[in-house]
Protein backbone atom coordinates (compact mmCIF):
# COMPACT_ATOMS: atom_id res chain seq x y z
CA MET A 1 0.12 -0.10 -0.05
CA VAL A 2 2.62 2.52 1.27
CA ASN A 3 5.14 1.59 -2.27
CA ASN A 4 1.63 2.03 -4.39
CA LEU A 5 1.05 5.53 -2.72
CA ARG A 6 4.92 6.59 -3.47
CA HIS A 7 4.75 5.65 -7.14
CA SER A 8 1.66 7.53 -7.50
CA ALA A 9 3.49 10.77 -5.94
CA LEU A 10 6.13 10.07 -7.69
CA LEU A 11 4.27 9.89 -10.89
CA ASP A 12 2.30 13.09 -10.13
CA VAL A 13 5.81 14.99 -9.96
CA VAL A 14 6.71 13.95 -13.34
CA ARG A 15 3.36 14.74 -14.99
CA HIS A 16 3.20 18.31 -13.59
CA MET A 17 7.24 18.45 -14.43
CA ARG A 18 7.60 21.57 -17.20
CA LEU A 19 10.79 20.58 -19.84
CA THR A 20 11.18 23.03 -22.31
CA VAL A 21 11.80 22.22 -25.93
CA LYS A 22 14.98 23.95 -25.15
CA THR A 23 15.88 21.28 -22.33
CA LYS A 24 14.81 18.33 -23.81
CA ILE A 25 17.24 19.36 -26.83
CA TRP A 26 20.04 19.71 -24.34
CA LEU A 27 18.78 16.06 -22.36
CA ALA A 28 19.38 14.52 -25.66
CA VAL A 29 22.34 15.65 -26.81
CA THR A 30 23.84 15.51 -23.25
CA SER A 31 23.17 12.24 -22.71
CA ILE A 32 24.39 10.87 -25.98
CA VAL A 33 27.90 13.02 -25.47
CA LEU A 34 28.14 11.38 -21.90
CA LEU A 35 27.53 7.91 -23.20
CA PHE A 36 30.05 8.69 -25.54
CA SER A 37 32.45 10.18 -23.67
CA PHE A 38 32.45 8.01 -20.89
CA PHE A 39 33.10 5.08 -23.43
CA VAL A 40 36.36 6.84 -25.26
CA PHE A 41 37.62 8.23 -21.38
CA PHE A 42 36.97 5.06 -19.48
CA TYR A 43 36.29 1.78 -21.11
CA LEU A 44 38.94 2.21 -24.23
CA PRO A 45 41.72 3.48 -22.10
CA VAL A 46 41.13 0.38 -19.50
CA ILE A 47 41.13 -1.93 -22.59
CA GLN A 48 44.33 -0.17 -24.26
CA GLU A 49 46.13 -0.57 -20.80
CA ARG A 50 44.98 -4.27 -20.38
CA SER A 51 46.55 -5.04 -23.78
CA LEU A 52 50.00 -3.28 -23.55
CA LEU A 53 50.39 -5.03 -20.31
CA ASN A 54 49.94 -8.27 -21.32
CA ASN A 55 52.24 -7.68 -24.64
CA PHE A 56 55.17 -6.30 -22.20
CA ASN A 57 54.79 -9.43 -19.42
CA LYS A 58 54.85 -11.88 -22.28
CA ASP A 59 57.99 -9.95 -23.92
CA VAL A 60 59.82 -10.49 -20.66
CA GLN A 61 58.45 -13.69 -20.16
CA ASN A 62 59.74 -14.25 -24.05
CA GLN A 63 63.54 -12.66 -23.17
CA ALA A 64 63.23 -14.57 -19.48
CA ASN A 65 63.19 -17.95 -21.56
CA THR A 66 65.78 -17.18 -23.96
CA VAL A 67 68.19 -16.25 -21.50
CA ALA A 68 67.99 -19.72 -20.07
CA LEU A 69 68.06 -21.85 -22.82
CA GLY A 70 71.38 -19.88 -23.68
CA VAL A 71 72.71 -20.58 -20.41
CA LYS A 72 71.31 -24.28 -20.32
CA ILE A 73 73.57 -25.08 -23.62
CA ALA A 74 76.52 -23.60 -22.43
CA MET A 75 76.28 -25.19 -19.14
CA THR A 76 75.69 -28.56 -21.18
CA GLU A 77 78.64 -27.54 -23.17
CA GLN A 78 80.22 -26.58 -20.16
CA ASN A 79 81.26 -23.28 -21.85
CA PHE A 80 81.08 -20.60 -18.82
CA GLN A 81 81.59 -17.85 -21.14
CA GLY A 82 78.50 -19.08 -23.18
CA VAL A 83 76.53 -18.29 -19.97
CA GLN A 84 77.89 -14.60 -19.75
CA THR A 85 77.28 -14.34 -23.61
CA ALA A 86 73.70 -15.53 -22.75
CA MET A 87 72.81 -12.71 -19.50
CA ASP A 88 74.36 -9.97 -22.11
CA PHE A 89 71.40 -10.50 -24.33
CA VAL A 90 69.52 -8.39 -22.41
CA LYS A 91 71.80 -6.14 -20.83
CA GLN A 92 71.46 -3.73 -23.38
CA ASP A 93 67.56 -2.89 -22.70
CA SER A 94 67.48 0.11 -20.75
CA LEU A 95 64.44 -1.02 -18.80
CA LEU A 96 66.33 -3.82 -17.21
CA GLN A 97 66.27 -3.66 -13.60
CA PHE A 98 68.33 -7.16 -12.96
CA VAL A 99 69.00 -10.67 -14.27
CA SER A 100 69.81 -13.01 -12.02
CA LEU A 101 70.96 -17.02 -13.05
CA LEU A 102 69.89 -19.02 -9.82
CA GLN A 103 71.27 -22.09 -8.68
CA ILE A 104 68.27 -24.49 -7.14
CA ASP A 105 68.73 -27.17 -4.43
CA THR A 106 66.56 -29.59 -2.63
CA THR A 107 67.34 -30.21 0.89
CA TRP A 108 65.53 -33.26 2.70
CA ASN A 109 64.64 -33.72 5.85
CA ALA A 110 66.50 -36.70 7.91
CA ASN A 111 63.48 -39.18 7.15
CA ARG A 112 63.45 -37.92 3.24
CA THR A 113 59.46 -37.26 3.65
CA HIS A 114 59.75 -33.63 2.87
CA TYR A 115 61.81 -31.36 0.95
CA ARG A 116 62.26 -27.64 1.13
CA ILE A 117 63.90 -26.38 -2.33
CA ASN A 118 66.67 -23.26 -1.70
CA ARG A 119 67.52 -20.65 -4.19
CA THR A 120 70.74 -19.33 -4.25
CA VAL A 121 72.21 -16.36 -6.78
CA PHE A 122 75.11 -17.94 -8.57
CA LYS A 123 75.66 -15.14 -11.49
CA ASN A 124 74.13 -11.55 -11.06
CA TYR A 125 73.75 -8.11 -13.10
CA PRO A 126 74.52 -5.70 -12.04
CA GLU A 127 76.80 -7.71 -9.42
CA GLN A 128 76.88 -5.21 -6.61
CA LYS A 129 72.62 -5.17 -6.69
CA LYS A 130 71.20 -6.65 -3.87
CA ILE A 131 68.58 -9.51 -5.42
CA ASN A 132 65.54 -10.61 -3.46
CA VAL A 133 65.32 -14.80 -4.44
CA ASP A 134 61.40 -14.64 -4.04
CA ALA A 135 60.57 -11.40 -5.51
CA THR A 136 57.40 -10.80 -8.00
CA SER A 137 55.59 -8.42 -9.75
CA SER A 138 54.83 -5.30 -8.57
CA ASP A 139 53.27 -1.87 -10.53
CA SER A 140 56.64 -0.48 -10.80
CA SER A 141 58.33 -3.58 -12.10
CA VAL A 142 57.57 -6.86 -14.02
CA VAL A 143 59.17 -10.47 -12.75
CA LYS A 144 59.55 -13.07 -15.02
CA ARG A 145 61.37 -17.15 -14.50
CA ALA A 146 62.71 -19.69 -16.86
CA SER A 147 63.96 -22.74 -15.69
CA PHE A 148 66.31 -25.22 -16.89
CA SER A 149 68.08 -28.09 -16.07
CA THR A 150 71.68 -29.72 -17.25
CA PRO A 151 73.26 -32.60 -15.74
CA MET A 152 75.67 -30.12 -13.88
CA MET A 153 73.29 -28.00 -12.39
CA THR A 154 69.33 -27.20 -12.26
CA GLY A 155 68.42 -23.69 -12.05
CA GLU A 156 66.44 -20.42 -13.35
CA ILE A 157 66.99 -17.26 -14.77
CA MET A 158 65.03 -14.08 -13.00
CA LEU A 159 64.35 -11.38 -15.01
CA ALA A 160 63.10 -7.82 -13.85
CA PHE A 161 61.73 -5.09 -15.85
CA SER A 162 60.92 -1.62 -15.11
CA THR A 163 57.21 -0.76 -16.47
CA ARG A 164 58.06 3.17 -16.79
CA GLU A 165 57.55 2.83 -20.27
CA ILE A 166 54.10 1.26 -19.51
CA VAL A 167 53.35 3.66 -17.08
CA GLN A 168 54.16 6.24 -19.48
CA ASP A 169 52.16 5.14 -22.18
CA LYS A 170 48.81 4.67 -19.87
CA ARG A 171 49.11 8.38 -19.36
CA GLN A 172 49.73 9.01 -23.10
CA ILE A 173 46.43 7.22 -23.51
CA ARG A 174 44.58 8.98 -20.54
CA ILE A 175 45.48 12.63 -22.07
CA THR A 176 44.53 11.10 -25.74
CA SER A 177 41.46 10.17 -24.28
CA LEU A 178 40.65 12.96 -22.42
CA PHE A 179 41.16 15.05 -25.63
CA PHE A 180 39.00 13.09 -27.72
CA SER A 181 36.33 13.33 -24.63
CA PHE A 182 36.47 16.70 -24.84
CA LEU A 183 36.65 16.57 -28.66
CA VAL A 184 33.00 14.59 -28.71
CA PHE A 185 32.03 16.97 -25.79
CA SER A 186 32.86 20.45 -27.68
CA ILE A 187 30.90 19.01 -31.11
CA GLY A 188 28.12 17.76 -28.69
CA ILE A 189 27.73 21.18 -27.39
CA GLY A 190 27.94 22.85 -30.80
CA ILE A 191 25.31 20.69 -32.16
CA GLY A 192 22.95 21.51 -29.20
CA PHE A 193 23.62 24.73 -29.73
CA GLY A 194 22.68 25.08 -33.44
CA LEU A 195 19.85 22.84 -32.75
CA ALA A 196 18.30 25.75 -29.63
CA ARG A 197 19.31 28.21 -32.04
CA ASN A 198 17.27 27.05 -34.25
CA ILE A 199 14.31 25.56 -32.54
CA SER A 200 13.98 26.89 -29.08
CA VAL A 201 15.66 30.05 -29.23
CA PRO A 202 12.79 31.96 -31.80
CA VAL A 203 10.04 29.98 -29.73
CA LEU A 204 11.72 31.55 -26.44
CA LYS A 205 12.23 35.20 -27.81
CA LEU A 206 8.58 35.10 -29.26
CA ARG A 207 7.53 34.01 -25.28
CA ASP A 208 9.60 36.61 -24.02
CA ALA A 209 7.94 39.37 -26.30
CA ALA A 210 4.83 38.30 -25.77
CA THR A 211 5.30 38.47 -21.93
CA LYS A 212 7.07 42.25 -22.35
CA VAL A 213 4.18 43.28 -24.10
CA GLY A 214 1.62 41.84 -21.79
CA ARG A 215 3.26 44.66 -19.04
CA GLY A 216 2.64 47.01 -21.57
CA ASP A 217 6.00 47.64 -23.87
CA LEU A 218 5.01 47.78 -27.06
CA THR A 219 8.08 48.20 -28.83
CA GLN A 220 8.90 44.45 -28.98
CA ARG A 221 9.96 42.97 -32.19
CA VAL A 222 10.91 39.24 -33.56
CA GLN A 223 13.06 38.85 -35.66
CA SER A 224 12.91 35.46 -37.61
CA ASN A 225 14.53 34.48 -40.70
CA SER A 226 12.76 31.07 -41.24
CA ARG A 227 10.27 30.40 -43.42
CA ASP A 228 8.34 27.72 -41.38
CA GLU A 229 5.53 28.24 -38.82
CA ILE A 230 7.78 29.73 -36.20
CA GLY A 231 8.54 32.72 -38.97
CA GLU A 232 5.12 32.96 -39.88
CA LEU A 233 4.44 33.04 -35.96
CA GLY A 234 6.54 35.65 -35.55
CA THR A 235 4.87 37.52 -38.45
CA ALA A 236 1.88 37.56 -36.78
CA PHE A 237 2.89 38.59 -33.93
CA ASN A 238 5.03 41.91 -35.12
CA LYS A 239 1.39 42.64 -36.75
CA MET A 240 -0.60 42.61 -34.06
CA VAL A 241 1.61 44.76 -32.02
CA THR A 242 1.95 47.07 -34.44
CA ASP A 243 -1.45 47.35 -34.33
CA LEU A 244 -1.41 47.83 -30.24
CA SER A 245 1.03 50.30 -30.84
CA THR A 246 -0.91 52.52 -33.26
CA THR A 247 -3.92 52.44 -30.73
CA ARG A 248 -1.55 53.46 -27.69
CA GLN A 249 -0.30 56.38 -29.62
CA GLU A 250 -3.52 57.74 -30.49
CA LEU A 251 -4.71 57.10 -26.79
CA ASP A 252 -1.77 59.14 -25.59
CA ALA A 253 -1.78 61.95 -27.71
CA ARG A 254 -5.09 62.66 -26.30
CA THR A 255 -4.05 62.37 -22.84
CA SER A 256 -1.13 64.34 -23.25
CA GLU A 257 -3.03 67.00 -24.44
CA LEU A 258 -5.49 66.91 -21.48
CA ILE A 259 -2.60 66.53 -19.14
CA ILE A 260 -1.09 69.63 -21.07
CA GLU A 261 -4.66 71.61 -19.87
CA LYS A 262 -4.31 70.30 -16.75
CA LYS A 263 -0.73 71.67 -16.22
CA LYS A 264 -1.51 75.14 -17.29
CA SER A 265 -4.19 75.55 -14.91
CA ASP A 266 -1.97 73.89 -12.06
CA ASP A 267 1.03 76.26 -13.02
CA LEU A 268 -1.36 79.34 -12.73
CA LEU A 269 -2.78 78.18 -9.53
CA GLU A 270 0.75 77.75 -8.06
CA ASP A 271 2.22 81.31 -9.73
CA LEU A 272 -1.05 82.94 -7.37
CA ARG A 273 0.15 80.43 -4.30
CA LYS A 274 3.37 81.94 -4.99
CA THR A 275 2.67 85.23 -5.15
CA LEU A 276 0.35 85.32 -1.98
CA ILE A 277 2.77 83.93 -0.30
CA ASP A 278 5.64 86.33 -1.31
CA LEU A 279 3.21 88.83 -0.52
CA LYS A 280 2.97 87.86 2.92
CA GLU A 281 6.70 86.98 3.44
CA ALA A 282 7.08 90.88 1.90
CA GLN A 283 4.99 92.11 4.19
CA GLU A 284 6.84 90.35 7.25
CA HIS A 285 10.16 91.21 6.52
CA LEU A 286 9.53 95.17 6.17
CA ILE A 287 7.16 94.62 9.50
CA ARG A 288 10.16 93.17 11.36
CA GLN A 289 12.90 95.84 9.56
CA GLU A 290 10.86 98.71 10.99
CA LYS A 291 10.51 96.95 14.50
CA LEU A 292 14.20 96.57 14.20
CA ALA A 293 15.57 100.25 12.84
CA SER A 294 12.43 101.16 15.56
CA ILE A 295 14.70 99.19 18.30
CA GLY A 296 18.30 100.40 17.03
CA GLU A 297 17.28 103.84 16.32
CA LEU A 298 15.72 103.55 20.46
CA ALA A 299 19.20 101.39 22.04
CA LYS A 300 21.39 103.99 19.92
CA GLY A 301 19.21 107.22 21.83
CA LEU A 302 19.47 105.31 25.19
CA VAL A 303 23.21 105.16 24.67
CA ASP A 304 23.75 108.65 23.45
CA ARG A 305 21.51 109.54 26.54
CA LEU A 306 23.37 107.14 28.83
CA LEU A 307 27.03 107.78 28.20
CA ASN A 308 26.56 111.50 29.54
CA PRO A 309 25.36 110.69 32.82
CA LEU A 310 27.92 107.50 33.02
CA ASN A 311 30.56 110.31 32.67
CA TYR A 312 29.36 111.89 35.30
CA VAL A 313 29.03 109.95 37.81
CA SER A 314 32.39 108.50 37.27
CA ASN A 315 33.58 112.16 37.58
CA PHE A 316 32.01 112.49 40.66
CA ALA A 317 33.17 109.48 41.92
CA SER A 318 36.93 110.33 41.18
CA LEU A 319 36.20 113.85 43.08
CA ILE A 320 34.30 112.38 46.36
CA ILE A 321 37.60 110.06 46.52
CA GLU A 322 39.54 112.84 46.19
CA LEU A 323 37.88 114.78 48.74
CA VAL A 324 37.66 112.05 51.27
CA GLN A 325 41.42 111.34 50.66
CA GLU A 326 42.25 114.95 51.49
CA SER A 327 39.80 115.13 54.23
CA LYS A 328 41.33 112.62 55.87
CA GLU A 329 45.07 114.00 55.39
CA VAL A 330 43.59 117.15 57.44
CA LEU A 331 41.82 115.01 60.32
CA ALA A 332 45.48 112.82 60.65
CA ILE A 333 47.01 116.38 62.22
CA ASP A 334 48.00 116.36 65.73
CA GLN A 335 45.04 118.66 66.99
CA TYR A 336 42.76 115.90 65.69
CA ALA A 337 44.77 112.95 66.57
CA SER A 338 43.60 113.09 70.33
CA ASP A 339 40.08 113.64 69.29
CA ALA A 340 38.07 110.58 70.34
CA TYR A 341 35.06 111.34 68.15
CA VAL A 342 37.44 111.97 64.95
CA GLN A 343 39.33 108.78 65.21
CA THR A 344 36.40 106.16 66.61
CA GLU A 345 33.17 107.86 64.19
CA LEU A 346 34.42 110.29 61.77
CA LEU A 347 37.69 108.24 60.12
CA PRO A 348 35.98 104.75 59.76
CA LEU A 349 33.02 107.06 58.38
CA LEU A 350 35.14 108.31 55.61
CA ALA A 351 36.99 105.05 55.22
CA MET A 352 33.53 103.29 54.07
CA MET A 353 32.67 106.17 52.18
CA GLU A 354 35.52 105.81 50.08
CA VAL A 355 35.71 102.61 49.81
CA ASN A 356 31.79 102.45 48.36
CA THR A 357 32.76 105.37 46.46
CA GLU A 358 35.40 103.28 44.91
CA LYS A 359 32.98 100.81 43.89
CA ILE A 360 30.42 103.15 42.68
CA LYS A 361 33.51 104.58 39.93
CA GLU A 362 34.53 100.85 39.40
CA HIS A 363 30.85 99.87 38.35
CA GLY A 364 30.57 103.31 36.64
CA PHE A 365 33.44 102.71 34.41
CA SER A 366 32.03 98.78 34.10
CA LEU A 367 28.82 100.11 32.69
CA THR A 368 30.51 103.21 30.60
CA ARG A 369 32.83 99.88 29.14
CA ILE A 370 29.51 97.86 28.33
CA VAL A 371 27.70 101.21 26.88
CA ARG A 372 30.05 101.81 24.62
CA SER A 373 30.19 98.40 23.29
CA MET A 374 26.87 98.26 22.61
CA ASP A 375 27.13 101.62 20.53
CA LYS A 376 29.81 99.96 18.68
CA LEU A 377 27.95 96.86 18.08
CA LEU A 378 24.81 99.59 16.84
CA LYS A 379 27.22 101.65 14.67
CA ALA A 380 27.00 101.06 11.23
CA LYS A 381 29.50 98.78 9.92
CA SER A 382 31.48 99.32 6.31
CA THR A 383 30.26 97.58 3.69
CA VAL A 384 33.14 98.36 1.68
CA PHE A 385 35.87 94.78 1.62
CA ILE A 386 39.28 95.63 0.61
CA GLU A 387 41.33 92.73 -0.56
CA THR A 388 43.88 91.69 2.23
CA HIS A 389 46.90 89.52 2.31
CA ILE A 390 46.46 87.67 5.50
CA ASN A 391 50.20 87.05 6.16
CA SER A 392 51.12 90.76 6.27
CA PHE A 393 47.90 92.09 7.74
CA VAL A 394 47.90 89.90 11.09
CA GLU A 395 51.61 90.52 11.36
CA SER A 396 50.65 94.39 11.46
CA GLN A 397 48.41 93.88 13.90
CA LEU A 398 50.32 91.50 16.44
CA LEU A 399 52.78 94.17 16.15
CA ASN A 400 50.63 97.31 17.11
CA TYR A 401 49.32 94.47 20.02
CA LYS A 402 52.68 94.01 20.78
CA LYS A 403 53.39 98.18 21.14
CA GLU A 404 49.85 98.45 23.33
CA LEU A 405 51.22 95.64 25.74
CA GLY A 406 54.55 97.57 26.23
CA GLY A 407 56.61 96.64 29.13
CA ASN A 408 53.55 96.80 31.81
CA SER A 409 52.37 93.02 31.69
CA MET A 410 54.52 89.43 32.15
CA PRO A 411 56.93 87.92 29.98
CA VAL A 412 54.68 86.04 26.98
CA SER A 413 56.13 84.37 24.01
CA ILE A 414 53.98 85.19 20.85
CA GLN A 415 55.01 83.41 17.67
CA LEU A 416 53.01 83.82 14.36
CA ILE A 417 53.29 80.86 12.29
CA LYS A 418 52.70 82.50 8.33
CA ASN A 419 50.77 80.31 5.80
CA GLU A 420 52.85 79.12 3.61
CA ASN A 421 51.07 79.35 0.59
CA VAL A 422 51.89 82.79 -0.26
CA ASN A 423 50.29 82.72 -3.88
CA ASN A 424 46.52 81.86 -2.08
CA SER A 425 46.42 84.04 0.82
CA SER A 426 44.33 86.91 -0.20
CA VAL A 427 41.18 87.31 1.57
CA MET A 428 38.34 90.39 0.93
CA ILE A 429 37.74 91.77 4.63
CA LEU A 430 36.56 95.11 6.66
CA PRO A 431 40.31 95.95 8.06
CA ALA A 432 38.80 98.05 10.72
CA GLU A 433 36.68 95.65 12.17
CA MET A 434 38.26 92.80 11.58
CA ALA A 435 41.72 94.49 13.54
CA SER A 436 38.89 94.70 16.21
CA VAL A 437 38.20 90.97 16.12
CA LEU A 438 41.87 90.22 16.36
CA PHE A 439 42.86 92.45 19.76
CA SER A 440 39.80 91.10 20.94
CA LEU A 441 40.95 87.53 20.99
CA LEU A 442 44.44 88.27 21.83
CA ASN A 443 43.48 90.44 24.66
CA ASN A 444 41.24 87.04 26.09
CA ALA A 445 44.61 84.97 25.55
CA VAL A 446 46.68 87.49 27.57
CA TYR A 447 44.13 87.81 30.25
CA SER A 448 43.89 84.06 30.53
CA LEU A 449 47.91 83.80 30.53
CA ASN A 450 47.92 86.28 33.55
CA GLU A 451 45.73 85.04 35.41
CA LYS A 452 47.81 81.84 35.34
CA TYR A 453 51.09 83.58 35.68
CA GLN A 454 49.60 85.43 39.01
CA LYS A 455 49.01 82.13 40.57
CA ASP A 456 52.51 80.27 39.36
CA ASN A 457 55.51 82.21 39.03
CA THR A 458 57.12 79.59 37.32
CA PHE A 459 54.57 79.41 34.58
CA GLU A 460 55.99 80.04 30.72
CA PRO A 461 53.53 82.10 28.89
CA LYS A 462 52.96 81.48 25.32
CA LEU A 463 51.11 83.21 22.56
CA THR A 464 50.83 81.03 19.19
CA VAL A 465 49.20 82.74 16.16
CA LYS A 466 49.34 80.45 12.97
CA ILE A 467 47.61 80.75 9.67
CA SER A 468 46.82 78.13 6.99
CA THR A 469 44.43 77.60 4.26
CA TYR A 470 42.46 74.65 2.56
CA ASP A 471 39.35 73.64 0.60
CA GLY A 472 38.86 77.61 -0.33
CA PHE A 473 39.25 78.83 2.92
CA VAL A 474 41.80 80.28 5.22
CA GLU A 475 42.27 79.58 9.36
CA VAL A 476 43.36 82.17 11.90
CA ARG A 477 44.07 79.88 14.81
CA ILE A 478 45.20 82.00 17.89
CA LYS A 479 46.63 79.66 20.91
CA ASP A 480 47.24 79.94 24.29
CA ASN A 481 48.56 77.86 27.21
CA GLY A 482 46.70 80.06 29.70
CA LYS A 483 43.96 78.53 32.32
CA GLY A 484 41.40 77.44 29.72
CA ILE A 485 37.68 77.95 29.90
CA SER A 486 35.11 75.05 31.33
CA ALA A 487 33.22 73.19 29.67
CA SER A 488 29.91 74.77 31.30
CA ASP A 489 31.01 78.05 29.98
CA LEU A 490 32.14 76.86 26.61
CA LYS A 491 28.22 76.24 26.01
CA GLN A 492 27.33 80.43 26.42
CA LEU A 493 30.74 81.94 25.59
CA PHE A 494 29.08 83.68 22.47
CA SER A 495 26.10 84.71 23.95
CA PRO A 496 25.45 88.85 24.53
CA PHE A 497 26.88 90.28 28.30
CA PHE A 498 28.42 86.50 29.29
CA THR A 499 31.64 86.99 30.44
CA THR A 500 34.01 84.87 32.46
CA LYS A 501 35.87 88.03 33.68
CA PRO A 502 34.97 89.88 36.88
CA THR A 503 31.81 92.61 35.96
CA SER A 504 34.75 95.15 36.52
CA GLN A 505 36.69 93.82 33.65
CA GLY A 506 34.80 92.47 31.33
CA THR A 507 31.55 93.80 29.47
CA GLY A 508 30.47 90.43 27.61
CA LEU A 509 30.21 91.78 24.29
CA GLY A 510 33.81 91.03 22.83
CA LEU A 511 32.85 87.69 21.70
CA PHE A 512 29.54 88.56 20.45
CA ILE A 513 31.03 91.50 18.01
CA SER A 514 33.51 89.61 16.75
CA GLN A 515 31.12 86.68 15.91
CA ASP A 516 28.91 89.00 14.20
CA ILE A 517 31.84 90.66 12.09
CA ILE A 518 32.88 87.35 11.06
CA ASN A 519 29.35 86.35 9.80
CA ILE A 520 29.21 89.58 7.76
CA HIS A 521 32.68 88.28 6.09
CA LYS A 522 30.72 84.50 5.50
CA GLY A 523 32.98 83.05 7.66
CA ASN A 524 32.61 81.38 11.30
CA ILE A 525 34.26 81.25 14.67
CA SER A 526 34.88 78.24 16.85
CA VAL A 527 36.67 77.74 20.16
CA GLU A 528 38.34 74.50 21.40
CA SER A 529 39.60 74.56 25.00
CA LYS A 530 40.97 72.42 28.46
CA GLN A 531 40.69 73.94 31.80
CA ASP A 532 44.22 74.56 33.15
CA GLU A 533 46.17 73.60 29.74
CA PHE A 534 45.11 75.34 26.40
CA THR A 535 41.98 77.70 24.44
CA THR A 536 42.43 77.84 20.80
CA PHE A 537 40.05 80.18 19.13
CA ARG A 538 39.83 79.24 15.04
CA ILE A 539 38.51 82.30 12.56
CA LYS A 540 38.00 80.74 9.04
CA LEU A 541 37.46 83.20 6.30
CA PRO A 542 36.69 82.68 2.77
CA LEU A 543 39.77 83.30 0.32
CA SER A 544 39.08 86.02 -2.16
CA SER A 545 36.99 84.64 -4.67
CA GLY A 546 34.66 83.21 -2.32
CA ILE A 547 33.18 86.94 -0.49
CA ILE A 548 32.78 88.98 -3.91
């Protein structure tokens, strides 16, 4: 029952298996070629090799018989030279491994019931070669024996010949068989290819073309030069596709007209939408510009109004300090030295007034610097960019900065590393604005170096300015080995009114203004720092062709 079910399932598989015409042709040709190749490559070489080996064995045996006959005649005539001559008969053969004349003796036991045959080498060639009297044939040699008997002795001739030539002949037969097998296989493949091309290829082309036409490709045509039924089928197929293509072109032409009309209406609607959006954006831009202009004017007015009162506050604070100092000098004379009120009440009051006035003066100056920085920020920027050689510009600014430092600061080593590519170092800049950026960054670097130097007198301050160009940009790198900047401060370093300096020494607008100037130059400024090790500012500006 189980076998019947398996047989039925196998029949169903075979029944539903789809074999194409091309597959059937190739199966038939391949079967014939493989059978013939098997005969040529396997069966025929085995027959030939067996025949060669049999003939070689016969030749060796015949030579052994010939030598044995010669030895027998020489022994009968007691001609020992004839024995040597008989053995010399085979010496000239290049395949000879050895020839031996063996003496055979029969040894009986004491009761003469059993005997043993002993073989000893009587004469041998080559003389120094050690011979195994019981040697037999192997893959590398053929060993044959021929017996003889004379009144003088009973013995046998043992010959050993190399099968080297047989092995070479076998190899040559294999090579020849392989060549003919390959030749037959190639011819079979050629025949199969020819049959497939003339029968299956046109059918497959027609099938593929019909599949593509079904997917909508009406450019397919079948090229067939045969005059049989396949050629007629190809001609009918081409006519059908041509008719379909003509019909589609008419439909496409009408569809294109409708699409063009729809596109025109869509374009008109899109233009109207864009116009409306542009009008809204222009209106919002004008409103923003008006607000910014109003805020700028208001801020400018506030700056102008604040500067004079601040100057009065700073000046009057200075005068008060001078008056307090003069009052303290007057009260320090002898006639007031014994006055308890002066010593316990008045002088401490004047000292407190001096300290408070110093604070007023200090914060007044700080506020004045902030207001002046705001004035600088609101001041109209120059719009005339000048082509400048960056090496010369930075070098001149460093010289000016060194003059301003003079001998009042700590000993600091300032090194300038110029750009080596002299022919590609020109930038378009606003000289005054860019000089203020460099001065601001140099001031910050020197301040950081001074802070570290105040804590450690053995510290060696170093300030390096390096200029380099790459990818159409020039980079000015200002690096110091000062106290560095903390990670939290780095995040808001370019924010307005943020400063790492004390209130009396920093305004918090220097880096903000510098960043604004660099943006005007279509460049960028960045900072990298490690606390207590270094701080590096990088100014990246486009070369002269990048900003015009």
